[in-house]
Amino acid sequence: QAELVESGGGLVETGNSLTLSCAASGFTVDQYTMGWFRQAPGKEREGVSCISRRGVDTSYGESVKGRFTISKDIAKNTMYLQMDSLKPEDTAVYYCATIDLTDCTFWRNTAYWVAVGSWGQGTQVTVSS
């Protein structure tokens, strides 16, 4: 059974950094394109970043481009999101999921989110001003 567990969130001040982890079980992270998503209170879930099966292709939402870095460690079967220069508007619950695509070309289309498994509990990121 495919499962993803997010961790690494917390409370930080503006300008600081956090690294989120997404541990996979029931499949290997190089089998699927994967992504990070977030949902702030009162807002729809949005795509943050995408990484293809072997990490060759990556893509980022405009609001995080240049500040966040997505990566995979196949040996650890884990995906990461390095978040630098955090802003209060980055405050949200962050989720990871598989994406039903071979690369990140159309990853923002919600129809492709969650190829296997389901949404996890997420990890809360709060950035204070």
Protein backbone atom coordinates (compact mmCIF):
# COMPACT_ATOMS: atom_id res chain seq x y z
CA GLN A 1 0.00 0.00 0.00
CA ALA A 2 1.45 3.33 -1.07
CA GLU A 3 1.94 5.84 1.70
CA LEU A 4 3.68 9.20 2.09
CA VAL A 5 4.51 10.85 5.39
CA GLU A 6 5.50 14.51 5.58
CA SER A 7 7.69 15.99 8.31
CA GLY A 8 9.97 18.92 9.06
CA GLY A 9 7.52 21.76 9.43
CA GLY A 10 7.65 24.31 12.20
CA LEU A 11 7.54 27.94 13.26
CA VAL A 12 10.26 30.18 11.84
CA GLU A 13 10.89 33.87 11.39
CA THR A 14 10.85 35.63 8.05
CA GLY A 15 14.01 35.01 6.09
CA ASN A 16 14.85 31.72 7.76
CA SER A 17 14.94 28.24 6.26
CA LEU A 18 13.28 24.87 6.70
CA THR A 19 13.69 21.49 5.04
CA LEU A 20 10.63 19.30 4.61
CA SER A 21 10.86 15.54 4.14
CA CYS A 22 8.45 13.15 2.46
CA ALA A 23 9.11 9.50 3.31
CA ALA A 24 7.60 6.98 0.91
CA SER A 25 6.59 3.39 1.54
CA GLY A 26 4.87 0.83 -0.65
CA PHE A 27 6.68 2.16 -3.72
CA THR A 28 10.01 3.75 -4.61
CA VAL A 29 10.31 7.48 -5.25
CA ASP A 30 11.98 6.88 -8.63
CA GLN A 31 8.84 5.12 -9.86
CA TYR A 32 6.77 8.31 -9.90
CA THR A 33 6.92 11.99 -10.64
CA MET A 34 6.21 13.64 -7.31
CA GLY A 35 5.39 17.04 -5.94
CA TRP A 36 4.94 19.32 -2.98
CA PHE A 37 1.67 21.13 -2.45
CA ARG A 38 0.37 23.53 0.18
CA GLN A 39 -2.90 24.82 1.49
CA ALA A 40 -3.33 27.99 3.51
CA PRO A 41 -6.45 28.65 5.61
CA GLY A 42 -9.37 29.60 3.42
CA LYS A 43 -7.49 28.92 0.20
CA GLU A 44 -7.38 26.09 -2.31
CA ARG A 45 -4.52 23.64 -2.37
CA GLU A 46 -1.81 24.82 -4.73
CA GLY A 47 1.18 23.19 -6.37
CA VAL A 48 4.54 24.26 -4.98
CA SER A 49 7.04 22.13 -6.87
CA CYS A 50 7.41 19.03 -9.02
CA ILE A 51 10.23 16.55 -9.62
CA SER A 52 10.26 13.81 -12.23
CA ARG A 53 10.91 10.15 -11.48
CA ARG A 54 14.69 10.32 -11.48
CA GLY A 55 14.93 14.01 -10.71
CA VAL A 56 15.94 15.15 -14.18
CA ASP A 57 13.01 17.53 -14.56
CA THR A 58 11.87 19.98 -11.89
CA SER A 59 9.39 22.83 -11.83
CA TYR A 60 8.31 25.46 -9.32
CA GLY A 61 5.40 27.71 -8.67
CA GLU A 62 6.10 31.35 -9.45
CA SER A 63 5.83 32.43 -5.81
CA VAL A 64 8.60 30.06 -4.66
CA LYS A 65 10.90 30.05 -7.68
CA GLY A 66 14.47 30.86 -6.66
CA ARG A 67 13.77 30.25 -2.95
CA PHE A 68 12.71 26.57 -2.78
CA THR A 69 14.57 23.50 -4.03
CA ILE A 70 13.02 20.08 -4.54
CA SER A 71 15.08 16.89 -4.51
CA LYS A 72 14.91 13.13 -4.09
CA ASP A 73 17.18 10.69 -2.28
CA ILE A 74 16.42 7.39 -3.94
CA ALA A 75 18.56 5.43 -1.46
CA LYS A 76 16.49 6.82 1.42
CA ASN A 77 13.25 6.64 -0.59
CA THR A 78 12.54 10.21 0.45
CA MET A 79 11.73 13.50 -1.26
CA TYR A 80 12.75 16.86 0.18
CA LEU A 81 11.83 20.51 -0.10
CA GLN A 82 14.51 22.98 0.95
CA MET A 83 12.80 26.28 1.70
CA ASP A 84 14.97 29.37 2.00
CA SER A 85 14.12 33.05 2.47
CA LEU A 86 10.75 32.14 3.91
CA LYS A 87 7.97 34.73 3.89
CA PRO A 88 4.77 34.99 5.92
CA GLU A 89 2.79 34.15 2.77
CA ASP A 90 4.49 30.73 2.75
CA THR A 91 2.50 29.82 5.85
CA ALA A 92 0.42 26.74 5.05
CA VAL A 93 0.08 23.02 5.56
CA TYR A 94 2.48 21.32 3.15
CA TYR A 95 1.70 17.99 1.53
CA CYS A 96 3.56 15.64 -0.77
CA ALA A 97 1.99 13.40 -3.37
CA THR A 98 2.69 11.40 -6.48
CA ILE A 99 1.81 12.89 -9.86
CA ASP A 100 0.45 10.85 -12.74
CA LEU A 101 2.87 12.21 -15.35
CA THR A 102 6.24 11.17 -16.76
CA ASP A 103 7.67 14.67 -16.32
CA CYS A 104 6.64 18.04 -14.86
CA THR A 105 5.19 19.64 -17.99
CA PHE A 106 1.56 19.68 -16.87
CA TRP A 107 2.04 19.16 -13.16
CA ARG A 108 -0.13 22.13 -12.13
CA ASN A 109 -3.23 20.38 -13.48
CA THR A 110 -5.02 18.99 -10.42
CA ALA A 111 -6.28 16.03 -12.47
CA TYR A 112 -2.79 14.51 -12.30
CA TRP A 113 -2.30 14.86 -8.54
CA VAL A 114 -2.14 11.71 -6.39
CA ALA A 115 -1.30 8.96 -8.88
CA VAL A 116 -1.08 6.41 -6.06
CA GLY A 117 -1.89 6.56 -2.37
CA SER A 118 -3.77 9.51 -0.91
CA TRP A 119 -3.15 12.87 0.71
CA GLY A 120 -1.36 12.55 4.02
CA GLN A 121 -1.76 14.69 7.11
CA GLY A 122 0.76 17.22 5.90
CA THR A 123 3.18 19.29 7.94
CA GLN A 124 2.47 22.80 9.18
CA VAL A 125 4.81 25.61 8.22
CA THR A 126 4.31 28.95 9.95
CA VAL A 127 6.43 31.98 9.10
CA SER A 128 6.21 34.88 11.49
CA SER A 129 6.74 38.45 10.35
